[in-house]
Protein backbone atom coordinates (compact mmCIF):
# COMPACT_ATOMS: atom_id res chain seq x y z
CA MET A 1 38.80 -78.22 54.47
CA GLY A 2 37.71 -76.60 57.88
CA GLN A 3 34.97 -74.37 58.75
CA THR A 4 34.49 -72.46 55.65
CA THR A 5 33.46 -75.47 54.07
CA ALA A 6 31.73 -77.12 56.53
CA GLU A 7 29.40 -73.92 56.80
CA GLN A 8 29.12 -73.77 52.90
CA ALA A 9 27.62 -77.05 53.30
CA TYR A 10 25.41 -76.10 56.04
CA ARG A 11 24.05 -73.34 54.25
CA MET A 12 23.69 -75.15 50.80
CA ILE A 13 21.64 -78.27 52.50
CA ARG A 14 19.61 -75.48 54.39
CA GLU A 15 18.67 -73.69 51.31
CA LYS A 16 17.89 -76.81 49.81
CA ILE A 17 15.19 -77.56 52.58
CA ILE A 18 13.90 -74.00 53.03
CA GLN A 19 13.11 -73.98 49.08
CA LEU A 20 11.39 -77.00 49.26
CA GLU A 21 14.11 -78.52 46.84
CA LEU A 22 14.13 -81.34 49.46
CA PRO A 23 10.83 -82.04 50.39
CA PRO A 24 9.83 -82.59 54.24
CA GLY A 25 9.79 -86.38 54.45
CA THR A 26 13.04 -86.61 52.05
CA ALA A 27 15.53 -89.08 53.12
CA LEU A 28 18.84 -87.57 53.37
CA ASN A 29 21.85 -89.52 51.68
CA GLU A 30 25.39 -88.55 53.10
CA ALA A 31 27.29 -89.55 50.21
CA SER A 32 25.00 -88.56 47.39
CA LEU A 33 24.69 -85.07 49.29
CA ALA A 34 28.61 -85.02 49.72
CA GLU A 35 29.23 -85.72 45.81
CA GLU A 36 26.69 -82.95 44.68
CA LEU A 37 28.46 -80.40 47.02
CA GLY A 38 31.68 -81.76 46.38
CA VAL A 39 32.91 -82.40 50.08
CA GLU A 40 33.51 -85.07 52.30
CA SER A 41 30.54 -86.96 53.85
CA THR A 42 32.22 -86.19 57.28
CA VAL A 43 31.71 -82.19 56.48
CA VAL A 44 27.95 -83.44 55.16
CA ARG A 45 27.36 -85.52 58.59
CA GLY A 46 27.90 -82.21 60.51
CA ALA A 47 25.63 -80.38 58.64
CA LEU A 48 22.98 -82.68 59.21
CA GLU A 49 23.39 -82.49 62.78
CA ARG A 50 23.65 -78.63 62.65
CA LEU A 51 20.59 -78.87 61.00
CA ALA A 52 18.82 -81.20 63.09
CA SER A 53 19.65 -78.98 66.20
CA ASP A 54 17.82 -76.45 63.90
CA HIS A 55 14.54 -78.75 63.88
CA LEU A 56 14.82 -78.96 60.22
CA VAL A 57 16.47 -82.70 60.14
CA THR A 58 15.34 -85.54 62.05
CA ILE A 59 18.09 -88.42 62.69
CA HIS A 60 16.50 -91.52 63.27
CA PRO A 61 18.38 -94.13 64.47
CA GLN A 62 17.07 -97.19 62.19
CA ARG A 63 15.80 -95.04 59.02
CA GLY A 64 18.98 -92.12 59.07
CA PRO A 65 18.36 -88.61 58.71
CA TYR A 66 15.41 -87.18 56.37
CA VAL A 67 13.95 -83.80 56.55
CA SER A 68 11.64 -83.29 59.42
CA PRO A 69 8.06 -83.25 58.33
CA LEU A 70 5.95 -79.64 58.65
CA SER A 71 3.56 -79.59 61.40
CA LEU A 72 0.66 -77.60 62.38
CA THR A 73 1.95 -77.27 66.16
CA GLU A 74 5.31 -76.24 64.21
CA GLN A 75 3.52 -73.51 62.41
CA GLN A 76 1.98 -72.42 65.57
CA GLU A 77 4.89 -72.14 67.58
CA LEU A 78 6.79 -69.63 64.71
CA ALA A 79 3.77 -68.08 64.69
CA GLU A 80 3.73 -67.27 68.26
CA LEU A 81 7.74 -66.33 68.30
CA ARG A 82 7.40 -64.18 65.59
CA VAL A 83 4.68 -61.88 66.06
CA GLU A 84 6.72 -60.77 69.70
CA LEU A 85 9.96 -60.59 68.31
CA GLU A 86 8.62 -58.74 64.88
CA ALA A 87 6.95 -56.31 67.13
CA LEU A 88 9.91 -55.71 69.02
CA SER A 89 12.06 -55.30 65.81
CA ALA A 90 9.28 -52.63 64.62
CA ARG A 91 9.45 -50.71 68.08
CA LEU A 92 13.19 -50.57 67.98
CA ALA A 93 12.96 -49.56 64.49
CA ALA A 94 10.84 -46.48 65.49
CA GLN A 95 12.95 -45.47 67.84
CA ARG A 96 16.57 -45.91 66.01
CA ILE A 97 15.80 -45.69 62.24
CA LYS A 98 17.79 -43.10 60.26
CA PRO A 99 16.27 -41.47 57.33
CA GLU A 100 18.07 -43.33 54.35
CA GLN A 101 17.10 -46.92 56.09
CA LEU A 102 13.28 -45.39 55.78
CA ALA A 103 14.03 -44.53 52.34
CA ALA A 104 15.51 -47.85 51.42
CA LEU A 105 12.47 -49.33 53.28
CA ARG A 106 10.19 -47.48 51.28
CA THR A 107 11.78 -48.51 47.91
CA THR A 108 11.60 -52.23 48.75
CA ALA A 109 7.97 -51.87 49.86
CA ALA A 110 7.20 -50.31 46.60
CA ARG A 111 9.32 -53.11 44.31
CA LEU A 112 6.90 -55.43 46.39
CA ALA A 113 3.71 -53.85 45.66
CA GLY A 114 4.63 -54.19 42.18
CA VAL A 115 5.19 -58.15 42.21
CA SER A 116 2.33 -60.26 40.89
CA PRO A 117 0.84 -62.35 43.22
CA GLU A 118 1.51 -65.32 41.24
CA ASP A 119 5.30 -65.08 42.04
CA ILE A 120 5.73 -66.80 44.61
CA GLU A 121 9.57 -67.07 44.76
CA THR A 122 10.07 -63.25 44.04
CA LEU A 123 7.08 -62.16 46.74
CA MET A 124 9.09 -64.33 49.52
CA ARG A 125 12.55 -62.81 48.19
CA VAL A 126 11.74 -59.54 48.28
CA ASP A 127 9.43 -60.01 51.64
CA ARG A 128 12.35 -61.36 52.87
CA GLU A 129 14.67 -58.39 52.21
CA PHE A 130 12.28 -55.72 53.43
CA HIS A 131 11.87 -57.89 56.92
CA ALA A 132 15.71 -58.19 56.91
CA MET A 133 16.06 -54.33 56.87
CA LEU A 134 13.63 -53.94 58.99
CA ALA A 135 15.79 -55.64 61.45
CA ALA A 136 18.81 -54.09 60.60
CA THR A 137 17.34 -50.82 61.25
CA ALA A 138 16.54 -52.08 64.92
CA GLY A 139 19.85 -52.24 65.77
CA ASN A 140 20.36 -55.49 67.35
CA ASN A 141 22.17 -58.11 65.49
CA THR A 142 21.21 -61.04 67.81
CA LEU A 143 17.32 -60.22 67.39
CA ALA A 144 18.22 -60.06 63.36
CA GLY A 145 19.68 -62.91 63.37
CA ILE A 146 16.65 -64.63 65.19
CA LEU A 147 14.05 -63.42 63.09
CA THR A 148 15.68 -64.58 59.85
CA ASP A 149 15.73 -68.04 61.03
CA LEU A 150 12.14 -67.42 61.72
CA TYR A 151 11.01 -66.43 58.99
CA ASP A 152 13.22 -68.83 56.65
CA LYS A 153 11.35 -71.92 58.84
CA SER A 154 8.06 -69.84 57.91
CA SER A 155 8.65 -69.79 54.40
CA ARG A 156 8.33 -73.67 54.26
CA PHE A 157 5.10 -73.32 55.28
CA TRP A 158 4.10 -70.38 52.95
CA ARG A 159 6.03 -72.55 49.77
CA SER A 160 4.02 -75.66 50.88
CA ALA A 161 0.84 -74.06 50.86
CA ALA A 162 1.48 -71.56 48.03
CA SER A 163 -1.14 -72.63 45.77
CA ARG A 164 -3.96 -72.46 48.28
CA LEU A 165 -2.59 -69.14 49.46
CA SER A 166 -2.56 -66.12 47.75
CA PHE A 167 -0.07 -63.25 49.08
CA LEU A 168 -2.74 -60.92 51.17
CA ALA A 169 -3.09 -57.63 49.39
CA GLY A 170 -3.59 -56.14 52.73
CA ALA A 171 -0.15 -56.68 53.15
CA VAL A 172 1.07 -53.55 51.01
CA GLU A 173 -1.09 -51.19 53.34
CA ARG A 174 0.14 -52.83 56.25
CA HIS A 175 3.47 -52.19 55.04
CA GLU A 176 2.45 -48.70 54.20
CA GLU A 177 1.33 -48.22 57.75
CA LEU A 178 4.79 -49.49 59.24
CA LEU A 179 6.91 -47.23 57.22
CA ASP A 180 4.53 -43.95 58.25
CA ALA A 181 4.80 -45.06 62.07
CA LEU A 182 8.46 -45.56 61.60
CA GLU A 183 8.77 -42.02 60.16
CA TYR A 184 6.97 -40.32 63.11
CA GLY A 185 8.62 -42.69 65.74
CA ASN A 186 5.44 -43.76 66.78
CA VAL A 187 6.59 -46.79 68.83
CA GLU A 188 2.92 -47.83 69.40
CA ALA A 189 1.60 -48.07 65.99
CA ALA A 190 4.75 -49.65 64.65
CA ASP A 191 4.10 -52.43 67.21
CA ARG A 192 0.52 -52.59 66.69
CA VAL A 193 0.67 -52.77 62.82
CA MET A 194 3.56 -55.45 62.89
CA ARG A 195 1.35 -57.66 65.68
CA GLU A 196 -1.65 -56.73 62.95
CA HIS A 197 0.49 -58.03 60.09
CA ILE A 198 2.24 -61.37 61.21
CA LEU A 199 -1.16 -62.51 63.12
CA GLU A 200 -3.39 -62.17 59.61
CA PHE A 201 -0.58 -63.91 57.78
CA HIS A 202 0.09 -66.82 59.98
CA ARG A 203 -3.89 -67.16 60.40
CA ARG A 204 -4.04 -67.37 56.80
CA LEU A 205 -1.30 -69.77 56.88
CA ARG A 206 -2.64 -72.26 58.80
CA ASP A 207 -5.99 -72.29 57.16
CA ALA A 208 -4.37 -73.21 53.99
CA LEU A 209 -2.52 -76.07 55.40
């Protein structure tokens, strides 16, 4: 059974929470999840404990485990972290990006620009890919891992507000500005554009919640 099975169970439950297949407040039954995932209940219990440390699951002594609710406090905390760390990622990328990485980012940005604003899942998937690729160009694996976690947690809020929040038309232009800053190694511009992008997104997200 080992670590591979435990990690898979953790990832699968986490993905269900992030994608709102398990909405905030949902009670989590260990036996039912174990049967669904084809693992032992002890594996699910360990996964839920890990998810509790990620603040995605709450374990109550009487109520048992359930998906943690969304809150404006959490959304604000995520915004504060993302704006600083995404800006750091952009600054490092401006110093370290390789031509082939820039070309790949431009390709992904073009794909994103072609997605319908109503296709939220595709928008989120390609936007996540863009931010993950950018983090990779920064050359800091620890930072990239933290940013992925923050993005995924933010996406719970995005999905919950999707019907009231259209993908920002200005985001496409922001991506182009950012890519130009990266191409010319303009650290200050990369920092500024990324900060504006993240702040605007989270402001509109907060207003839609």
